[in-house]
């Protein structure tokens, strides 16, 4: 991924003059932290309404997203290749992230001040090329899914999804271990690159491929052991071929009626109809303005508040939030 950095930077220099809204975000001041949560604490934010997050009602859909703002800076300088994120529902105020190829098979929980509060190491597996993650209901709790399917050379025969139950971060232990369920799969057309994963409320995962022809193919990944993914739709991200519309992350709204898709320089939100993600090809699309980043590969909805969070690779990257502007 580092080898592609300068190519992406060059694309930004060419693309920036036509991205005036994104440029305006560069001078945004960071949002002040809640006075009750200092940035040097490792306490996980809690729901002060007395509502159990596990049974709380998800936020309603947002009709108008505000301009992106910097919420914090990721404090740990070793988290310099964040390529996936998922916002916790059962641990309010926690954002799970993971790094790109070559890193340890570890999920890191940061709070909304960018401070690390816990880590979970997945045992018995490697992180060949983790590219995205997702949160979804899993029985009485939630599960975290990881997509080990990055394939720049379109040659891998060992792509897989990993799944663990999300731990409740209520105690003092901050270095955890988990043994994942493993779901190997393959594409019917042969190997191809992908960097985006979504999982619906029934625990069904879908992978969105990374292409340079303005499109992304969407595959339903079997978790019954059959291993061959099914192509269910193809979605167009924009009009410019190449890196600007190459998909790097995605997420479902909590009830899966919306699909958020991020590319390097263009992001969209699809309003899915009764056919769900299978109808993504004909779904209405709204552009989402994200903060300007050199290598943005992670984005996620907030299941507790009507927010979108995103972050880039790089040392101490900014943690951006896009709030709902509905009155």
Protein backbone atom coordinates (compact mmCIF):
# COMPACT_ATOMS: atom_id res chain seq x y z
CA UNK A 1 0.00 0.00 0.00
CA UNK A 2 2.90 2.36 0.70
CA UNK A 3 4.07 1.90 -2.89
CA UNK A 4 0.86 3.49 -4.14
CA UNK A 5 1.09 6.53 -1.85
CA UNK A 6 2.87 8.88 -4.26
CA UNK A 7 0.53 7.94 -7.10
CA UNK A 8 -2.42 8.90 -4.93
CA UNK A 9 -0.74 12.14 -3.90
CA UNK A 10 -0.26 13.02 -7.57
CA UNK A 11 -3.93 12.30 -8.24
CA UNK A 12 -4.81 14.73 -5.45
CA UNK A 13 -2.76 17.50 -7.00
CA UNK A 14 -4.60 17.00 -10.28
CA UNK A 15 -8.02 16.51 -8.70
CA UNK A 16 -8.04 19.17 -5.96
CA UNK A 17 -8.98 22.18 -8.17
CA UNK A 18 -12.34 20.53 -8.92
CA UNK A 19 -12.99 19.50 -5.30
CA UNK A 20 -13.77 22.89 -3.80
CA UNK A 21 -16.02 21.57 -1.05
CA UNK A 22 -13.35 19.18 0.12
CA UNK A 23 -10.76 21.95 0.14
CA UNK A 24 -12.92 24.05 2.43
CA UNK A 25 -12.65 21.42 5.15
CA UNK A 26 -8.90 21.81 5.46
CA UNK A 27 -9.20 24.89 7.66
CA UNK A 28 -11.82 23.41 9.97
CA UNK A 29 -10.87 23.59 13.63
CA UNK A 30 -11.05 20.35 15.60
CA UNK A 31 -14.33 19.87 17.46
CA UNK A 32 -13.75 20.51 21.17
CA UNK A 33 -13.72 17.36 23.25
CA UNK A 34 -16.45 16.71 25.78
CA UNK A 35 -15.28 18.29 29.02
CA UNK A 36 -16.11 15.08 30.84
CA UNK A 37 -13.63 13.04 28.78
CA UNK A 38 -10.04 14.21 28.82
CA UNK A 39 -7.89 13.10 25.90
CA UNK A 40 -5.36 11.52 28.24
CA UNK A 41 -7.82 9.12 29.84
CA UNK A 42 -8.41 5.55 28.71
CA UNK A 43 -11.96 5.30 30.01
CA UNK A 44 -14.49 4.19 27.43
CA UNK A 45 -17.37 6.59 26.92
CA UNK A 46 -20.66 5.38 28.40
CA UNK A 47 -24.30 6.03 27.58
CA UNK A 48 -25.41 8.57 30.18
CA UNK A 49 -29.08 8.27 29.23
CA UNK A 50 -29.45 5.01 31.14
CA UNK A 51 -30.29 3.16 27.93
CA UNK A 52 -28.81 -0.27 27.34
CA UNK A 53 -26.85 0.06 24.07
CA UNK A 54 -27.60 -3.55 23.20
CA UNK A 55 -31.34 -2.86 23.07
CA UNK A 56 -31.37 0.79 22.04
CA UNK A 57 -33.12 1.95 18.87
CA UNK A 58 -30.72 2.92 16.06
CA UNK A 59 -30.83 6.51 14.80
CA UNK A 60 -33.16 7.35 11.97
CA UNK A 61 -31.78 8.01 8.48
CA UNK A 62 -30.16 11.38 7.83
CA UNK A 63 -31.41 13.40 4.87
CA UNK A 64 -28.69 16.07 4.86
CA UNK A 65 -25.11 15.51 5.97
CA UNK A 66 -23.05 18.43 7.28
CA UNK A 67 -19.53 19.37 6.25
CA UNK A 68 -16.85 17.05 7.69
CA UNK A 69 -15.01 18.22 10.79
CA UNK A 70 -11.88 17.01 12.55
CA UNK A 71 -12.89 15.40 15.84
CA UNK A 72 -9.46 14.32 17.05
CA UNK A 73 -6.05 12.96 16.08
CA UNK A 74 -5.22 9.28 16.40
CA UNK A 75 -2.77 9.35 19.29
CA UNK A 76 -0.80 6.14 18.69
CA UNK A 77 1.82 6.84 15.98
CA UNK A 78 2.17 3.11 15.25
CA UNK A 79 -1.37 3.07 13.86
CA UNK A 80 -0.07 4.47 10.60
CA UNK A 81 -1.84 2.20 8.09
CA UNK A 82 -5.46 2.17 9.24
CA UNK A 83 -7.46 0.54 6.48
CA UNK A 84 -10.70 -0.44 8.23
CA UNK A 85 -13.00 0.83 10.97
CA UNK A 86 -16.28 -0.02 12.67
CA UNK A 87 -18.13 2.05 15.27
CA UNK A 88 -19.24 0.03 18.28
CA UNK A 89 -22.88 -0.21 19.36
CA UNK A 90 -22.38 -2.10 22.62
CA UNK A 91 -19.37 0.02 23.67
CA UNK A 92 -20.60 3.59 23.08
CA UNK A 93 -17.78 5.97 22.20
CA UNK A 94 -15.51 3.19 20.86
CA UNK A 95 -14.27 2.92 17.29
CA UNK A 96 -12.54 -0.29 16.24
CA UNK A 97 -9.74 0.00 13.67
CA UNK A 98 -7.23 -2.31 12.06
CA UNK A 99 -4.16 -1.85 9.92
CA UNK A 100 -3.13 -2.90 6.44
CA UNK A 101 -0.94 -5.74 5.16
CA UNK A 102 2.18 -6.56 7.13
CA UNK A 103 0.70 -5.67 10.51
CA UNK A 104 -0.19 -7.93 13.41
CA UNK A 105 -3.66 -9.57 13.41
CA UNK A 106 -4.93 -7.05 15.93
CA UNK A 107 -8.02 -4.90 16.30
CA UNK A 108 -7.53 -1.65 18.21
CA UNK A 109 -10.28 0.16 20.07
CA UNK A 110 -9.88 3.93 20.16
CA UNK A 111 -12.22 6.46 21.70
CA UNK A 112 -13.53 9.55 19.94
CA UNK A 113 -10.55 11.51 21.29
CA UNK A 114 -8.30 9.20 19.27
CA UNK A 115 -6.84 7.47 22.34
CA UNK A 116 -6.34 3.69 22.40
CA UNK A 117 -8.45 1.99 25.08
CA UNK A 118 -7.97 -1.70 24.23
CA UNK A 119 -6.61 -4.20 21.71
CA UNK A 120 -7.83 -7.62 20.62
CA UNK A 121 -5.34 -10.01 19.03
CA UNK A 122 -6.86 -12.69 16.81
CA UNK A 123 -5.15 -15.98 17.58
CA UNK A 124 -4.38 -18.76 15.13
CA UNK A 125 -4.47 -16.51 12.06
CA UNK A 126 -2.40 -13.98 10.13
CA UNK A 127 -3.24 -10.60 8.64
CA UNK A 128 -2.12 -11.23 5.08
CA UNK A 129 -3.91 -8.16 3.77
CA UNK A 130 -6.74 -6.96 6.01
CA UNK A 131 -8.63 -4.25 4.14
CA UNK A 132 -11.94 -3.54 5.89
CA UNK A 133 -14.09 -4.50 8.84
CA UNK A 134 -17.76 -4.40 9.80
CA UNK A 135 -19.97 -4.62 12.87
CA UNK A 136 -23.22 -6.56 12.81
CA UNK A 137 -25.69 -8.20 15.22
CA UNK A 138 -24.60 -11.65 16.34
CA UNK A 139 -27.13 -13.41 18.56
CA UNK A 140 -27.52 -11.50 21.80
CA UNK A 141 -24.47 -9.35 21.13
CA UNK A 142 -22.53 -7.94 18.15
CA UNK A 143 -19.79 -9.46 16.06
CA UNK A 144 -16.81 -7.84 14.39
CA UNK A 145 -15.97 -9.04 10.89
CA UNK A 146 -12.61 -8.56 9.16
CA UNK A 147 -11.97 -8.85 5.44
CA UNK A 148 -8.61 -10.47 4.64
CA UNK A 149 -9.07 -10.09 0.90
CA UNK A 150 -6.69 -7.40 -0.35
CA UNK A 151 -5.20 -8.64 -3.62
CA UNK A 152 -3.32 -5.98 -5.58
CA UNK A 153 -1.90 -8.63 -7.90
CA UNK A 154 -5.22 -10.39 -8.52
CA UNK A 155 -3.58 -13.67 -7.60
CA UNK A 156 -4.56 -14.71 -4.07
CA UNK A 157 -6.22 -18.07 -3.48
CA UNK A 158 -6.43 -17.69 0.30
CA UNK A 159 -8.87 -14.81 0.81
CA UNK A 160 -11.15 -15.09 3.82
CA UNK A 161 -13.44 -13.38 6.28
CA UNK A 162 -12.82 -13.52 10.02
CA UNK A 163 -15.46 -13.09 12.73
CA UNK A 164 -15.26 -12.63 16.49
CA UNK A 165 -17.76 -11.64 19.14
CA UNK A 166 -17.16 -8.04 20.11
CA UNK A 167 -15.89 -7.87 23.70
CA UNK A 168 -17.54 -5.57 26.22
CA UNK A 169 -14.90 -3.11 27.35
CA UNK A 170 -16.11 -2.60 30.89
CA UNK A 171 -13.21 -3.98 32.93
CA UNK A 172 -9.60 -3.04 33.47
CA UNK A 173 -8.14 -5.58 31.04
CA UNK A 174 -7.08 -3.82 27.85
CA UNK A 175 -5.05 -6.49 26.00
CA UNK A 176 -7.45 -9.21 24.89
CA UNK A 177 -7.30 -12.30 22.69
CA UNK A 178 -9.97 -13.95 20.56
CA UNK A 179 -10.13 -17.02 18.37
CA UNK A 180 -11.98 -16.13 15.15
CA UNK A 181 -14.38 -18.09 13.03
CA UNK A 182 -12.86 -18.29 9.54
CA UNK A 183 -14.79 -18.20 6.26
CA UNK A 184 -12.61 -18.84 3.18
CA UNK A 185 -14.15 -17.92 -0.14
CA UNK A 186 -13.39 -17.27 -3.79
CA UNK A 187 -14.90 -15.34 -6.69
CA UNK A 188 -16.45 -17.30 -9.57
CA UNK A 189 -14.51 -15.22 -12.14
CA UNK A 190 -11.17 -15.77 -10.40
CA UNK A 191 -8.99 -13.64 -8.08
CA UNK A 192 -9.60 -9.89 -7.87
CA UNK A 193 -8.83 -7.05 -5.49
CA UNK A 194 -11.26 -5.83 -2.83
CA UNK A 195 -11.11 -3.37 0.07
CA UNK A 196 -14.71 -3.03 1.29
CA UNK A 197 -16.88 -5.24 3.50
CA UNK A 198 -20.46 -4.85 4.77
CA UNK A 199 -22.58 -7.22 6.86
CA UNK A 200 -26.35 -6.95 7.23
CA UNK A 201 -28.48 -7.51 10.32
CA UNK A 202 -28.85 -11.21 9.54
CA UNK A 203 -25.10 -11.69 9.59
CA UNK A 204 -24.78 -11.99 5.81
CA UNK A 205 -21.50 -10.49 4.52
CA UNK A 206 -20.98 -8.75 1.19
CA UNK A 207 -17.69 -7.73 -0.42
CA UNK A 208 -17.25 -4.75 -2.75
CA UNK A 209 -14.35 -5.05 -5.17
CA UNK A 210 -11.78 -2.38 -5.98
CA UNK A 211 -11.63 -1.48 -9.66
CA UNK A 212 -10.38 1.42 -11.78
CA UNK A 213 -13.25 1.55 -14.31
CA UNK A 214 -15.58 3.63 -12.01
CA UNK A 215 -17.47 0.51 -10.85
CA UNK A 216 -17.43 -1.94 -7.97
CA UNK A 217 -18.77 -5.48 -8.08
CA UNK A 218 -20.75 -6.62 -5.06
CA UNK A 219 -20.55 -10.25 -3.97
CA UNK A 220 -22.52 -12.19 -1.38
CA UNK A 221 -20.05 -14.33 0.56
CA UNK A 222 -21.34 -17.72 1.77
CA UNK A 223 -20.83 -18.66 5.40
CA UNK A 224 -22.19 -22.20 5.03
CA UNK A 225 -18.92 -23.70 3.82
CA UNK A 226 -19.72 -23.58 0.10
CA UNK A 227 -17.02 -20.90 -0.41
CA UNK A 228 -18.01 -19.60 -3.88
CA UNK A 229 -19.22 -16.01 -3.68
CA UNK A 230 -22.21 -14.85 -5.73
CA UNK A 231 -22.14 -11.61 -7.67
CA UNK A 232 -25.36 -9.78 -6.80
CA UNK A 233 -24.87 -6.29 -8.24
CA UNK A 234 -22.48 -3.78 -9.79
CA UNK A 235 -22.51 -0.16 -8.69
CA UNK A 236 -21.06 2.92 -10.39
CA UNK A 237 -19.14 5.23 -8.05
CA UNK A 238 -18.58 8.23 -10.33
CA UNK A 239 -17.45 9.28 -13.78
CA UNK A 240 -13.66 9.53 -13.47
CA UNK A 241 -11.73 6.32 -14.01
CA UNK A 242 -8.70 5.42 -11.92
CA UNK A 243 -7.97 5.99 -8.25
CA UNK A 244 -10.62 8.69 -7.58
CA UNK A 245 -13.41 6.10 -7.85
CA UNK A 246 -11.51 3.02 -6.62
CA UNK A 247 -13.51 1.69 -3.66
CA UNK A 248 -11.61 1.44 -0.36
CA UNK A 249 -14.36 1.03 2.28
CA UNK A 250 -18.11 0.66 2.81
CA UNK A 251 -20.71 0.32 5.53
CA UNK A 252 -24.39 -0.43 6.01
CA UNK A 253 -26.74 1.88 7.90
CA UNK A 254 -27.87 -0.08 11.01
CA UNK A 255 -31.01 -1.38 9.29
CA UNK A 256 -29.14 -1.90 5.98
CA UNK A 257 -31.47 0.40 3.99
CA UNK A 258 -28.52 2.61 3.07
CA UNK A 259 -25.08 1.76 1.77
CA UNK A 260 -22.11 4.09 2.30
CA UNK A 261 -19.26 3.59 -0.18
CA UNK A 262 -15.92 5.33 0.01
CA UNK A 263 -13.37 5.75 -2.77
CA UNK A 264 -10.13 7.71 -2.63
CA UNK A 265 -11.63 10.98 -3.86
CA UNK A 266 -15.34 10.31 -4.09
CA UNK A 267 -17.86 8.85 -1.66
CA UNK A 268 -21.54 8.11 -2.12
CA UNK A 269 -24.56 6.99 -0.13
CA UNK A 270 -27.07 4.69 -1.80
CA UNK A 271 -30.71 4.59 -0.73
CA UNK A 272 -31.50 0.90 -1.06
CA UNK A 273 -35.06 -0.17 -1.80
CA UNK A 274 -36.96 -3.33 -0.97
CA UNK A 275 -34.48 -5.39 -2.97
CA UNK A 276 -31.66 -4.38 -0.62
CA UNK A 277 -28.06 -4.46 -1.76
CA UNK A 278 -29.02 -6.65 -4.71
CA UNK A 279 -30.68 -3.54 -6.17
CA UNK A 280 -27.68 -1.27 -5.60
CA UNK A 281 -27.11 -0.89 -9.33
CA UNK A 282 -30.34 1.11 -9.73
CA UNK A 283 -30.47 2.73 -6.27
CA UNK A 284 -30.55 6.51 -5.98
CA UNK A 285 -27.18 7.95 -5.03
CA UNK A 286 -26.13 11.01 -3.01
CA UNK A 287 -22.54 12.31 -2.89
CA UNK A 288 -20.92 12.42 0.55
CA UNK A 289 -18.26 15.08 1.10
CA UNK A 290 -15.43 13.70 3.22
CA UNK A 291 -12.44 15.50 4.68
CA UNK A 292 -9.50 15.73 2.28
CA UNK A 293 -7.04 12.90 2.94
CA UNK A 294 -4.09 11.49 1.03
CA UNK A 295 -4.98 7.85 1.58
CA UNK A 296 -8.48 7.46 2.97
CA UNK A 297 -9.32 3.77 3.35
CA UNK A 298 -11.79 3.63 6.25
CA UNK A 299 -15.33 4.91 6.81
CA UNK A 300 -18.26 3.84 8.99
CA UNK A 301 -21.70 4.88 10.17
CA UNK A 302 -22.29 5.43 13.88
CA UNK A 303 -25.00 3.00 15.11
CA UNK A 304 -25.76 5.16 18.17
CA UNK A 305 -25.79 8.68 16.70
CA UNK A 306 -26.49 9.94 13.16
CA UNK A 307 -22.81 10.40 12.30
CA UNK A 308 -20.29 9.18 9.75
CA UNK A 309 -16.69 8.66 10.85
CA UNK A 310 -13.64 8.31 8.63
CA UNK A 311 -9.87 8.18 8.93
CA UNK A 312 -6.84 7.88 6.67
CA UNK A 313 -3.59 6.00 6.66
CA UNK A 314 -0.57 7.98 7.90
CA UNK A 315 1.10 8.82 11.21
CA UNK A 316 -1.30 10.42 13.70
CA UNK A 317 -4.08 10.88 11.12
CA UNK A 318 -7.10 13.08 11.75
CA UNK A 319 -10.29 11.40 12.93
CA UNK A 320 -13.12 13.02 10.98
CA UNK A 321 -16.81 13.13 11.78
CA UNK A 322 -19.71 14.06 9.49
CA UNK A 323 -22.80 14.92 11.51
CA UNK A 324 -26.39 14.95 10.39
CA UNK A 325 -27.55 18.46 9.47
CA UNK A 326 -31.28 17.69 9.57
CA UNK A 327 -33.20 20.23 11.62
